[in-house]
Amino acid sequence: MQPSPPGRPLRSQLANDPDMQELIGLFIDELPERLGAIENALAERRADDVKRVAHQLRGACGGYGFPVLSLAAGKVEDAVRAMATPDADLAAVKAGVDELVNLCRRVIR
C-alpha cells in the first residue's frame, strides 16, 4: 500500500478482537489489489465492474470494522446506479473512487 495521505489513520473497529486480527490483516493486504481493480475498471469505463467491486468493498469493509470505507464504497456503488446509461459521464463516480482510494490508503493495522 502507498504511504498514507494526510488525515487520521484508519484502524478497524475490530482491531482489538483477537479472533479478527488475522482476518483484518488479510483484508488489509488485499486492499491494494481491490483498489487497482476498481481504478482500472473506471479508467476503462467498465461501469458494471466498478459497481461490482464497490459493492464487494461496501460489504467487506463493514464486516472487517471499517464503516467509513463501507460508506465511501456505497457512494461509488450508488453513483454508478444513478447513471442514466452505462456510457454516461463518470465524473461523479471518479470523485467517489478517488475518495475511497484516499481513505483506504489511510488504513493501518
PDB file of N, CA and C in Angstrom:
ATOM      1  N   MET A   1       0.848  -1.169   0.000  1.00  0.00           N
ATOM      2  CA  MET A   1       0.000   0.000   0.000  1.00  0.00           C
ATOM      3  C   MET A   1       0.890   1.227   0.000  1.00  0.00           C
ATOM      4  N   GLN A   2       0.455   2.290  -0.635  1.00  0.00           N
ATOM      5  CA  GLN A   2       1.232   3.513  -0.717  1.00  0.00           C
ATOM      6  C   GLN A   2       1.218   4.246   0.620  1.00  0.00           C
ATOM      7  N   PRO A   3       2.131   5.225   0.800  1.00  0.00           N
ATOM      8  CA  PRO A   3       2.144   5.982   2.049  1.00  0.00           C
ATOM      9  C   PRO A   3       0.791   6.629   2.321  1.00  0.00           C
ATOM     10  N   SER A   4       0.496   6.790   3.597  1.00  0.00           N
ATOM     11  CA  SER A   4      -0.782   7.384   3.981  1.00  0.00           C
ATOM     12  C   SER A   4      -0.850   8.846   3.573  1.00  0.00           C
ATOM     13  N   PRO A   5      -1.963   9.247   2.951  1.00  0.00           N
ATOM     14  CA  PRO A   5      -2.157  10.660   2.665  1.00  0.00           C
ATOM     15  C   PRO A   5      -2.498  11.384   3.961  1.00  0.00           C
ATOM     16  N   PRO A   6      -2.503  12.702   3.905  1.00  0.00           N
ATOM     17  CA  PRO A   6      -2.855  13.447   5.121  1.00  0.00           C
ATOM     18  C   PRO A   6      -4.222  13.016   5.649  1.00  0.00           C
ATOM     19  N   GLY A   7      -4.328  13.045   6.933  1.00  0.00           N
ATOM     20  CA  GLY A   7      -5.570  12.632   7.576  1.00  0.00           C
ATOM     21  C   GLY A   7      -5.275  11.615   8.648  1.00  0.00           C
ATOM     22  N   ARG A   8      -6.218  11.429   9.484  1.00  0.00           N
ATOM     23  CA  ARG A   8      -6.058  10.487  10.591  1.00  0.00           C
ATOM     24  C   ARG A   8      -6.005   9.060  10.072  1.00  0.00           C
ATOM     25  N   PRO A   9      -5.054   8.251  10.563  1.00  0.00           N
ATOM     26  CA  PRO A   9      -5.015   6.849  10.152  1.00  0.00           C
ATOM     27  C   PRO A   9      -6.326   6.143  10.512  1.00  0.00           C
ATOM     28  N   LEU A  10      -6.702   5.194   9.694  1.00  0.00           N
ATOM     29  CA  LEU A  10      -7.932   4.442   9.926  1.00  0.00           C
ATOM     30  C   LEU A  10      -7.579   3.035  10.397  1.00  0.00           C
ATOM     31  N   ARG A  11      -8.115   2.678  11.530  1.00  0.00           N
ATOM     32  CA  ARG A  11      -7.901   1.347  12.105  1.00  0.00           C
ATOM     33  C   ARG A  11      -9.266   0.682  12.254  1.00  0.00           C
ATOM     34  N   SER A  12      -9.286  -0.608  12.059  1.00  0.00           N
ATOM     35  CA  SER A  12     -10.522  -1.354  12.192  1.00  0.00           C
ATOM     36  C   SER A  12     -11.106  -1.203  13.594  1.00  0.00           C
ATOM     37  N   GLN A  13     -12.409  -1.081  13.665  1.00  0.00           N
ATOM     38  CA  GLN A  13     -13.084  -1.055  14.957  1.00  0.00           C
ATOM     39  C   GLN A  13     -12.980  -2.402  15.657  1.00  0.00           C
ATOM     40  N   LEU A  14     -12.584  -3.421  14.923  1.00  0.00           N
ATOM     41  CA  LEU A  14     -12.450  -4.771  15.472  1.00  0.00           C
ATOM     42  C   LEU A  14     -10.985  -5.143  15.731  1.00  0.00           C
ATOM     43  N   ALA A  15     -10.086  -4.167  15.663  1.00  0.00           N
ATOM     44  CA  ALA A  15      -8.649  -4.431  15.772  1.00  0.00           C
ATOM     45  C   ALA A  15      -8.260  -5.081  17.098  1.00  0.00           C
ATOM     46  N   ASN A  16      -9.011  -4.851  18.147  1.00  0.00           N
ATOM     47  CA  ASN A  16      -8.682  -5.421  19.454  1.00  0.00           C
ATOM     48  C   ASN A  16      -9.295  -6.804  19.682  1.00  0.00           C
ATOM     49  N   ASP A  17     -10.021  -7.297  18.703  1.00  0.00           N
ATOM     50  CA  ASP A  17     -10.625  -8.625  18.799  1.00  0.00           C
ATOM     51  C   ASP A  17      -9.613  -9.654  18.305  1.00  0.00           C
ATOM     52  N   PRO A  18      -9.061 -10.469  19.209  1.00  0.00           N
ATOM     53  CA  PRO A  18      -8.025 -11.417  18.791  1.00  0.00           C
ATOM     54  C   PRO A  18      -8.489 -12.394  17.712  1.00  0.00           C
ATOM     55  N   ASP A  19      -9.769 -12.697  17.675  1.00  0.00           N
ATOM     56  CA  ASP A  19     -10.293 -13.608  16.663  1.00  0.00           C
ATOM     57  C   ASP A  19     -10.338 -12.968  15.275  1.00  0.00           C
ATOM     58  N   MET A  20     -10.301 -11.648  15.219  1.00  0.00           N
ATOM     59  CA  MET A  20     -10.414 -10.948  13.939  1.00  0.00           C
ATOM     60  C   MET A  20      -9.078 -10.421  13.417  1.00  0.00           C
ATOM     61  N   GLN A  21      -8.053 -10.360  14.249  1.00  0.00           N
ATOM     62  CA  GLN A  21      -6.804  -9.706  13.861  1.00  0.00           C
ATOM     63  C   GLN A  21      -6.193 -10.292  12.589  1.00  0.00           C
ATOM     64  N   GLU A  22      -6.110 -11.594  12.489  1.00  0.00           N
ATOM     65  CA  GLU A  22      -5.518 -12.204  11.295  1.00  0.00           C
ATOM     66  C   GLU A  22      -6.368 -11.925  10.059  1.00  0.00           C
ATOM     67  N   LEU A  23      -7.687 -12.024  10.216  1.00  0.00           N
ATOM     68  CA  LEU A  23      -8.588 -11.775   9.086  1.00  0.00           C
ATOM     69  C   LEU A  23      -8.504 -10.325   8.621  1.00  0.00           C
ATOM     70  N   ILE A  24      -8.424  -9.412   9.571  1.00  0.00           N
ATOM     71  CA  ILE A  24      -8.300  -7.995   9.226  1.00  0.00           C
ATOM     72  C   ILE A  24      -6.992  -7.761   8.479  1.00  0.00           C
ATOM     73  N   GLY A  25      -5.921  -8.408   8.941  1.00  0.00           N
ATOM     74  CA  GLY A  25      -4.635  -8.281   8.266  1.00  0.00           C
ATOM     75  C   GLY A  25      -4.701  -8.764   6.829  1.00  0.00           C
ATOM     76  N   LEU A  26      -5.363  -9.885   6.601  1.00  0.00           N
ATOM     77  CA  LEU A  26      -5.524 -10.402   5.236  1.00  0.00           C
ATOM     78  C   LEU A  26      -6.341  -9.437   4.380  1.00  0.00           C
ATOM     79  N   PHE A  27      -7.399  -8.892   4.968  1.00  0.00           N
ATOM     80  CA  PHE A  27      -8.229  -7.927   4.250  1.00  0.00           C
ATOM     81  C   PHE A  27      -7.397  -6.711   3.852  1.00  0.00           C
ATOM     82  N   ILE A  28      -6.615  -6.191   4.788  1.00  0.00           N
ATOM     83  CA  ILE A  28      -5.776  -5.023   4.507  1.00  0.00           C
ATOM     84  C   ILE A  28      -4.753  -5.347   3.418  1.00  0.00           C
ATOM     85  N   ASP A  29      -4.187  -6.540   3.468  1.00  0.00           N
ATOM     86  CA  ASP A  29      -3.213  -6.947   2.453  1.00  0.00           C
ATOM     87  C   ASP A  29      -3.827  -7.001   1.058  1.00  0.00           C
ATOM     88  N   GLU A  30      -5.125  -7.299   0.971  1.00  0.00           N
ATOM     89  CA  GLU A  30      -5.812  -7.401  -0.314  1.00  0.00           C
ATOM     90  C   GLU A  30      -6.338  -6.053  -0.831  1.00  0.00           C
ATOM     91  N   LEU A  31      -6.342  -5.030   0.011  1.00  0.00           N
ATOM     92  CA  LEU A  31      -6.895  -3.737  -0.406  1.00  0.00           C
ATOM     93  C   LEU A  31      -6.229  -3.172  -1.662  1.00  0.00           C
ATOM     94  N   PRO A  32      -4.903  -3.191  -1.773  1.00  0.00           N
ATOM     95  CA  PRO A  32      -4.303  -2.622  -2.993  1.00  0.00           C
ATOM     96  C   PRO A  32      -4.808  -3.289  -4.275  1.00  0.00           C
ATOM     97  N   GLU A  33      -4.980  -4.597  -4.234  1.00  0.00           N
ATOM     98  CA  GLU A  33      -5.485  -5.312  -5.414  1.00  0.00           C
ATOM     99  C   GLU A  33      -6.919  -4.877  -5.733  1.00  0.00           C
ATOM    100  N   ARG A  34      -7.736  -4.766  -4.708  1.00  0.00           N
ATOM    101  CA  ARG A  34      -9.130  -4.350  -4.922  1.00  0.00           C
ATOM    102  C   ARG A  34      -9.202  -2.922  -5.454  1.00  0.00           C
ATOM    103  N   LEU A  35      -8.349  -2.055  -4.901  1.00  0.00           N
ATOM    104  CA  LEU A  35      -8.334  -0.662  -5.362  1.00  0.00           C
ATOM    105  C   LEU A  35      -7.855  -0.587  -6.803  1.00  0.00           C
ATOM    106  N   GLY A  36      -6.854  -1.389  -7.134  1.00  0.00           N
ATOM    107  CA  GLY A  36      -6.389  -1.431  -8.522  1.00  0.00           C
ATOM    108  C   GLY A  36      -7.488  -1.877  -9.466  1.00  0.00           C
ATOM    109  N   ALA A  37      -8.273  -2.849  -9.026  1.00  0.00           N
ATOM    110  CA  ALA A  37      -9.367  -3.352  -9.855  1.00  0.00           C
ATOM    111  C   ALA A  37     -10.411  -2.279 -10.108  1.00  0.00           C
ATOM    112  N   ILE A  38     -10.756  -1.519  -9.081  1.00  0.00           N
ATOM    113  CA  ILE A  38     -11.794  -0.502  -9.267  1.00  0.00           C
ATOM    114  C   ILE A  38     -11.255   0.674 -10.081  1.00  0.00           C
ATOM    115  N   GLU A  39      -9.983   1.026  -9.882  1.00  0.00           N
ATOM    116  CA  GLU A  39      -9.392   2.115 -10.662  1.00  0.00           C
ATOM    117  C   GLU A  39      -9.263   1.714 -12.137  1.00  0.00           C
ATOM    118  N   ASN A  40      -8.851   0.485 -12.393  1.00  0.00           N
ATOM    119  CA  ASN A  40      -8.742   0.018 -13.784  1.00  0.00           C
ATOM    120  C   ASN A  40     -10.108  -0.033 -14.458  1.00  0.00           C
ATOM    121  N   ALA A  41     -11.098  -0.533 -13.740  1.00  0.00           N
ATOM    122  CA  ALA A  41     -12.452  -0.594 -14.310  1.00  0.00           C
ATOM    123  C   ALA A  41     -12.950   0.806 -14.644  1.00  0.00           C
ATOM    124  N   LEU A  42     -12.664   1.764 -13.777  1.00  0.00           N
ATOM    125  CA  LEU A  42     -13.088   3.141 -14.039  1.00  0.00           C
ATOM    126  C   LEU A  42     -12.349   3.698 -15.255  1.00  0.00           C
ATOM    127  N   ALA A  43     -11.050   3.487 -15.303  1.00  0.00           N
ATOM    128  CA  ALA A  43     -10.247   4.004 -16.421  1.00  0.00           C
ATOM    129  C   ALA A  43     -10.704   3.412 -17.752  1.00  0.00           C
ATOM    130  N   GLU A  44     -11.162   2.176 -17.713  1.00  0.00           N
ATOM    131  CA  GLU A  44     -11.619   1.503 -18.930  1.00  0.00           C
ATOM    132  C   GLU A  44     -13.126   1.664 -19.152  1.00  0.00           C
ATOM    133  N   ARG A  45     -13.747   2.489 -18.326  1.00  0.00           N
ATOM    134  CA  ARG A  45     -15.179   2.801 -18.440  1.00  0.00           C
ATOM    135  C   ARG A  45     -16.066   1.566 -18.367  1.00  0.00           C
ATOM    136  N   ARG A  46     -15.689   0.644 -17.496  1.00  0.00           N
ATOM    137  CA  ARG A  46     -16.481  -0.566 -17.272  1.00  0.00           C
ATOM    138  C   ARG A  46     -17.320  -0.344 -16.014  1.00  0.00           C
ATOM    139  N   ALA A  47     -18.421   0.364 -16.185  1.00  0.00           N
ATOM    140  CA  ALA A  47     -19.252   0.776 -15.059  1.00  0.00           C
ATOM    141  C   ALA A  47     -19.754  -0.416 -14.241  1.00  0.00           C
ATOM    142  N   ASP A  48     -20.126  -1.493 -14.909  1.00  0.00           N
ATOM    143  CA  ASP A  48     -20.620  -2.661 -14.172  1.00  0.00           C
ATOM    144  C   ASP A  48     -19.549  -3.241 -13.260  1.00  0.00           C
ATOM    145  N   ASP A  49     -18.300  -3.241 -13.717  1.00  0.00           N
ATOM    146  CA  ASP A  49     -17.211  -3.736 -12.876  1.00  0.00           C
ATOM    147  C   ASP A  49     -16.930  -2.791 -11.711  1.00  0.00           C
ATOM    148  N   VAL A  50     -17.016  -1.489 -11.960  1.00  0.00           N
ATOM    149  CA  VAL A  50     -16.853  -0.516 -10.874  1.00  0.00           C
ATOM    150  C   VAL A  50     -17.914  -0.782  -9.817  1.00  0.00           C
ATOM    151  N   LYS A  51     -19.146  -0.955 -10.264  1.00  0.00           N
ATOM    152  CA  LYS A  51     -20.257  -1.202  -9.329  1.00  0.00           C
ATOM    153  C   LYS A  51     -20.052  -2.502  -8.556  1.00  0.00           C
ATOM    154  N   ARG A  52     -19.608  -3.550  -9.233  1.00  0.00           N
ATOM    155  CA  ARG A  52     -19.403  -4.855  -8.589  1.00  0.00           C
ATOM    156  C   ARG A  52     -18.316  -4.773  -7.513  1.00  0.00           C
ATOM    157  N   VAL A  53     -17.181  -4.172  -7.846  1.00  0.00           N
ATOM    158  CA  VAL A  53     -16.092  -4.075  -6.864  1.00  0.00           C
ATOM    159  C   VAL A  53     -16.504  -3.169  -5.711  1.00  0.00           C
ATOM    160  N   ALA A  54     -17.175  -2.071  -6.009  1.00  0.00           N
ATOM    161  CA  ALA A  54     -17.643  -1.178  -4.948  1.00  0.00           C
ATOM    162  C   ALA A  54     -18.622  -1.900  -4.027  1.00  0.00           C
ATOM    163  N   HIS A  55     -19.500  -2.696  -4.612  1.00  0.00           N
ATOM    164  CA  HIS A  55     -20.460  -3.464  -3.809  1.00  0.00           C
ATOM    165  C   HIS A  55     -19.731  -4.445  -2.895  1.00  0.00           C
ATOM    166  N   GLN A  56     -18.735  -5.142  -3.440  1.00  0.00           N
ATOM    167  CA  GLN A  56     -17.961  -6.083  -2.632  1.00  0.00           C
ATOM    168  C   GLN A  56     -17.239  -5.365  -1.493  1.00  0.00           C
ATOM    169  N   LEU A  57     -16.643  -4.224  -1.806  1.00  0.00           N
ATOM    170  CA  LEU A  57     -15.945  -3.457  -0.773  1.00  0.00           C
ATOM    171  C   LEU A  57     -16.917  -2.928   0.275  1.00  0.00           C
ATOM    172  N   ARG A  58     -18.080  -2.519  -0.169  1.00  0.00           N
ATOM    173  CA  ARG A  58     -19.093  -1.997   0.758  1.00  0.00           C
ATOM    174  C   ARG A  58     -19.387  -3.020   1.855  1.00  0.00           C
ATOM    175  N   GLY A  59     -19.587  -4.258   1.467  1.00  0.00           N
ATOM    176  CA  GLY A  59     -19.872  -5.303   2.440  1.00  0.00           C
ATOM    177  C   GLY A  59     -18.653  -5.706   3.244  1.00  0.00           C
ATOM    178  N   ALA A  60     -17.542  -5.903   2.561  1.00  0.00           N
ATOM    179  CA  ALA A  60     -16.332  -6.368   3.241  1.00  0.00           C
ATOM    180  C   ALA A  60     -15.810  -5.338   4.237  1.00  0.00           C
ATOM    181  N   CYS A  61     -15.787  -4.093   3.844  1.00  0.00           N
ATOM    182  CA  CYS A  61     -15.262  -3.053   4.740  1.00  0.00           C
ATOM    183  C   CYS A  61     -16.071  -2.981   6.029  1.00  0.00           C
ATOM    184  N   GLY A  62     -17.364  -3.059   5.904  1.00  0.00           N
ATOM    185  CA  GLY A  62     -18.206  -3.051   7.096  1.00  0.00           C
ATOM    186  C   GLY A  62     -17.960  -4.272   7.964  1.00  0.00           C
ATOM    187  N   GLY A  63     -17.820  -5.427   7.331  1.00  0.00           N
ATOM    188  CA  GLY A  63     -17.615  -6.676   8.051  1.00  0.00           C
ATOM    189  C   GLY A  63     -16.286  -6.757   8.777  1.00  0.00           C
ATOM    190  N   TYR A  64     -15.301  -6.009   8.291  1.00  0.00           N
ATOM    191  CA  TYR A  64     -13.982  -6.020   8.920  1.00  0.00           C
ATOM    192  C   TYR A  64     -13.751  -4.806   9.808  1.00  0.00           C
ATOM    193  N   GLY A  65     -14.817  -4.064  10.083  1.00  0.00           N
ATOM    194  CA  GLY A  65     -14.727  -2.971  11.049  1.00  0.00           C
ATOM    195  C   GLY A  65     -14.289  -1.635  10.495  1.00  0.00           C
ATOM    196  N   PHE A  66     -14.554  -1.394   9.224  1.00  0.00           N
ATOM    197  CA  PHE A  66     -14.203  -0.117   8.598  1.00  0.00           C
ATOM    198  C   PHE A  66     -15.464   0.544   8.033  1.00  0.00           C
ATOM    199  N   PRO A  67     -16.360   1.028   8.885  1.00  0.00           N
ATOM    200  CA  PRO A  67     -17.618   1.586   8.377  1.00  0.00           C
ATOM    201  C   PRO A  67     -17.430   2.801   7.481  1.00  0.00           C
ATOM    202  N   VAL A  68     -16.417   3.619   7.723  1.00  0.00           N
ATOM    203  CA  VAL A  68     -16.210   4.802   6.883  1.00  0.00           C
ATOM    204  C   VAL A  68     -15.846   4.377   5.459  1.00  0.00           C
ATOM    205  N   LEU A  69     -15.107   3.292   5.322  1.00  0.00           N
ATOM    206  CA  LEU A  69     -14.783   2.770   3.992  1.00  0.00           C
ATOM    207  C   LEU A  69     -16.022   2.175   3.340  1.00  0.00           C
ATOM    208  N   SER A  70     -16.835   1.522   4.131  1.00  0.00           N
ATOM    209  CA  SER A  70     -18.072   0.942   3.628  1.00  0.00           C
ATOM    210  C   SER A  70     -18.986   2.036   3.064  1.00  0.00           C
ATOM    211  N   LEU A  71     -19.083   3.144   3.783  1.00  0.00           N
ATOM    212  CA  LEU A  71     -19.898   4.268   3.304  1.00  0.00           C
ATOM    213  C   LEU A  71     -19.354   4.840   2.008  1.00  0.00           C
ATOM    214  N   ALA A  72     -18.032   4.985   1.927  1.00  0.00           N
ATOM    215  CA  ALA A  72     -17.412   5.527   0.707  1.00  0.00           C
ATOM    216  C   ALA A  72     -17.634   4.581  -0.479  1.00  0.00           C
ATOM    217  N   ALA A  73     -17.496   3.285  -0.256  1.00  0.00           N
ATOM    218  CA  ALA A  73     -17.740   2.311  -1.320  1.00  0.00           C
ATOM    219  C   ALA A  73     -19.213   2.346  -1.736  1.00  0.00           C
ATOM    220  N   GLY A  74     -20.098   2.533  -0.769  1.00  0.00           N
ATOM    221  CA  GLY A  74     -21.520   2.638  -1.063  1.00  0.00           C
ATOM    222  C   GLY A  74     -21.839   3.840  -1.933  1.00  0.00           C
ATOM    223  N   LYS A  75     -21.143   4.946  -1.701  1.00  0.00           N
ATOM    224  CA  LYS A  75     -21.348   6.137  -2.540  1.00  0.00           C
ATOM    225  C   LYS A  75     -20.962   5.849  -3.986  1.00  0.00           C
ATOM    226  N   VAL A  76     -19.870   5.101  -4.169  1.00  0.00           N
ATOM    227  CA  VAL A  76     -19.449   4.748  -5.524  1.00  0.00           C
ATOM    228  C   VAL A  76     -20.500   3.857  -6.176  1.00  0.00           C
ATOM    229  N   GLU A  77     -20.917   2.839  -5.458  1.00  0.00           N
ATOM    230  CA  GLU A  77     -21.929   1.932  -5.996  1.00  0.00           C
ATOM    231  C   GLU A  77     -23.198   2.692  -6.363  1.00  0.00           C
ATOM    232  N   ASP A  78     -23.633   3.566  -5.474  1.00  0.00           N
ATOM    233  CA  ASP A  78     -24.851   4.343  -5.730  1.00  0.00           C
ATOM    234  C   ASP A  78     -24.676   5.299  -6.910  1.00  0.00           C
ATOM    235  N   ALA A  79     -23.479   5.874  -7.061  1.00  0.00           N
ATOM    236  CA  ALA A  79     -23.224   6.789  -8.178  1.00  0.00           C
ATOM    237  C   ALA A  79     -23.311   6.055  -9.511  1.00  0.00           C
ATOM    238  N   VAL A  80     -22.811   4.822  -9.552  1.00  0.00           N
ATOM    239  CA  VAL A  80     -22.911   4.041 -10.787  1.00  0.00           C
ATOM    240  C   VAL A  80     -24.375   3.711 -11.073  1.00  0.00           C
ATOM    241  N   ARG A  81     -25.101   3.331 -10.043  1.00  0.00           N
ATOM    242  CA  ARG A  81     -26.526   3.003 -10.238  1.00  0.00           C
ATOM    243  C   ARG A  81     -27.321   4.209 -10.740  1.00  0.00           C
ATOM    244  N   ALA A  82     -26.899   5.415 -10.335  1.00  0.00           N
ATOM    245  CA  ALA A  82     -27.622   6.632 -10.705  1.00  0.00           C
ATOM    246  C   ALA A  82     -27.326   7.089 -12.127  1.00  0.00           C
ATOM    247  N   MET A  83     -26.331   6.479 -12.769  1.00  0.00           N
ATOM    248  CA  MET A  83     -26.000   6.869 -14.137  1.00  0.00           C
ATOM    249  C   MET A  83     -27.172   6.540 -15.057  1.00  0.00           C
ATOM    250  N   ALA A  84     -27.502   7.468 -15.939  1.00  0.00           N
ATOM    251  CA  ALA A  84     -28.623   7.267 -16.857  1.00  0.00           C
ATOM    252  C   ALA A  84     -28.353   6.129 -17.833  1.00  0.00           C
ATOM    253  N   THR A  85     -27.140   6.048 -18.317  1.00  0.00           N
ATOM    254  CA  THR A  85     -26.743   4.981 -19.234  1.00  0.00           C
ATOM    255  C   THR A  85     -25.330   4.544 -18.865  1.00  0.00           C
ATOM    256  N   PRO A  86     -24.925   3.361 -19.276  1.00  0.00           N
ATOM    257  CA  PRO A  86     -23.561   2.907 -18.981  1.00  0.00           C
ATOM    258  C   PRO A  86     -22.482   3.822 -19.566  1.00  0.00           C
ATOM    259  N   ASP A  87     -22.832   4.597 -20.593  1.00  0.00           N
ATOM    260  CA  ASP A  87     -21.868   5.495 -21.225  1.00  0.00           C
ATOM    261  C   ASP A  87     -21.934   6.911 -20.667  1.00  0.00           C
ATOM    262  N   ALA A  88     -22.721   7.112 -19.627  1.00  0.00           N
ATOM    263  CA  ALA A  88     -22.880   8.447 -19.050  1.00  0.00           C
ATOM    264  C   ALA A  88     -21.558   8.950 -18.472  1.00  0.00           C
ATOM    265  N   ASP A  89     -21.527  10.219 -18.191  1.00  0.00           N
ATOM    266  CA  ASP A  89     -20.336  10.851 -17.619  1.00  0.00           C
ATOM    267  C   ASP A  89     -19.980  10.188 -16.285  1.00  0.00           C
ATOM    268  N   LEU A  90     -18.744   9.796 -16.145  1.00  0.00           N
ATOM    269  CA  LEU A  90     -18.301   9.103 -14.941  1.00  0.00           C
ATOM    270  C   LEU A  90     -17.677  10.047 -13.916  1.00  0.00           C
ATOM    271  N   ALA A  91     -17.871  11.361 -14.053  1.00  0.00           N
ATOM    272  CA  ALA A  91     -17.221  12.314 -13.147  1.00  0.00           C
ATOM    273  C   ALA A  91     -17.608  12.067 -11.690  1.00  0.00           C
ATOM    274  N   ALA A  92     -18.878  11.871 -11.420  1.00  0.00           N
ATOM    275  CA  ALA A  92     -19.309  11.631 -10.032  1.00  0.00           C
ATOM    276  C   ALA A  92     -18.750  10.317  -9.519  1.00  0.00           C
ATOM    277  N   VAL A  93     -18.675   9.338 -10.384  1.00  0.00           N
ATOM    278  CA  VAL A  93     -18.126   8.041  -9.990  1.00  0.00           C
ATOM    279  C   VAL A  93     -16.637   8.188  -9.706  1.00  0.00           C
ATOM    280  N   LYS A  94     -15.928   8.928 -10.550  1.00  0.00           N
ATOM    281  CA  LYS A  94     -14.491   9.126 -10.355  1.00  0.00           C
ATOM    282  C   LYS A  94     -14.208   9.827  -9.035  1.00  0.00           C
ATOM    283  N   ALA A  95     -14.989  10.828  -8.709  1.00  0.00           N
ATOM    284  CA  ALA A  95     -14.798  11.538  -7.437  1.00  0.00           C
ATOM    285  C   ALA A  95     -14.976  10.574  -6.267  1.00  0.00           C
ATOM    286  N   GLY A  96     -15.955   9.713  -6.355  1.00  0.00           N
ATOM    287  CA  GLY A  96     -16.187   8.740  -5.296  1.00  0.00           C
ATOM    288  C   GLY A  96     -15.070   7.712  -5.197  1.00  0.00           C
ATOM    289  N   VAL A  97     -14.575   7.251  -6.343  1.00  0.00           N
ATOM    290  CA  VAL A  97     -13.468   6.297  -6.341  1.00  0.00           C
ATOM    291  C   VAL A  97     -12.220   6.945  -5.746  1.00  0.00           C
ATOM    292  N   ASP A  98     -11.955   8.186  -6.124  1.00  0.00           N
ATOM    293  CA  ASP A  98     -10.798   8.895  -5.573  1.00  0.00           C
ATOM    294  C   ASP A  98     -10.895   9.008  -4.050  1.00  0.00           C
ATOM    295  N   GLU A  99     -12.086   9.336  -3.551  1.00  0.00           N
ATOM    296  CA  GLU A  99     -12.298   9.432  -2.105  1.00  0.00           C
ATOM    297  C   GLU A  99     -12.068   8.077  -1.435  1.00  0.00           C
ATOM    298  N   LEU A 100     -12.618   7.030  -2.032  1.00  0.00           N
ATOM    299  CA  LEU A 100     -12.464   5.684  -1.489  1.00  0.00           C
ATOM    300  C   LEU A 100     -10.988   5.271  -1.452  1.00  0.00           C
ATOM    301  N   VAL A 101     -10.272   5.508  -2.524  1.00  0.00           N
ATOM    302  CA  VAL A 101      -8.854   5.156  -2.589  1.00  0.00           C
ATOM    303  C   VAL A 101      -8.070   5.919  -1.531  1.00  0.00           C
ATOM    304  N   ASN A 102      -8.326   7.213  -1.402  1.00  0.00           N
ATOM    305  CA  ASN A 102      -7.612   8.014  -0.400  1.00  0.00           C
ATOM    306  C   ASN A 102      -7.887   7.525   1.016  1.00  0.00           C
ATOM    307  N   LEU A 103      -9.113   7.168   1.294  1.00  0.00           N
ATOM    308  CA  LEU A 103      -9.443   6.634   2.619  1.00  0.00           C
ATOM    309  C   LEU A 103      -8.737   5.302   2.856  1.00  0.00           C
ATOM    310  N   CYS A 104      -8.757   4.434   1.858  1.00  0.00           N
ATOM    311  CA  CYS A 104      -8.127   3.116   2.004  1.00  0.00           C
ATOM    312  C   CYS A 104      -6.630   3.243   2.228  1.00  0.00           C
ATOM    313  N   ARG A 105      -6.005   4.244   1.674  1.00  0.00           N
ATOM    314  CA  ARG A 105      -4.568   4.434   1.865  1.00  0.00           C
ATOM    315  C   ARG A 105      -4.242   4.891   3.288  1.00  0.00           C
ATOM    316  N   ARG A 106      -5.233   5.281   4.035  1.00  0.00           N
ATOM    317  CA  ARG A 106      -5.018   5.672   5.437  1.00  0.00           C
ATOM    318  C   ARG A 106      -5.177   4.503   6.407  1.00  0.00           C
ATOM    319  N   VAL A 107      -5.553   3.339   5.880  1.00  0.00           N
ATOM    320  CA  VAL A 107      -5.780   2.160   6.731  1.00  0.00           C
ATOM    321  C   VAL A 107      -4.452   1.668   7.302  1.00  0.00           C
ATOM    322  N   ILE A 108      -4.478   1.400   8.597  1.00  0.00           N
ATOM    323  CA  ILE A 108      -3.321   0.806   9.282  1.00  0.00           C
ATOM    324  C   ILE A 108      -3.784  -0.410  10.052  1.00  0.00           C
ATOM    325  N   ARG A 109      -2.827  -1.245  10.430  1.00  0.00           N
ATOM    326  CA  ARG A 109      -3.136  -2.445  11.224  1.00  0.00           C
ATOM    327  C   ARG A 109      -3.341  -2.076  12.679  1.00  0.00           C
TER     328      ARG A 109
END
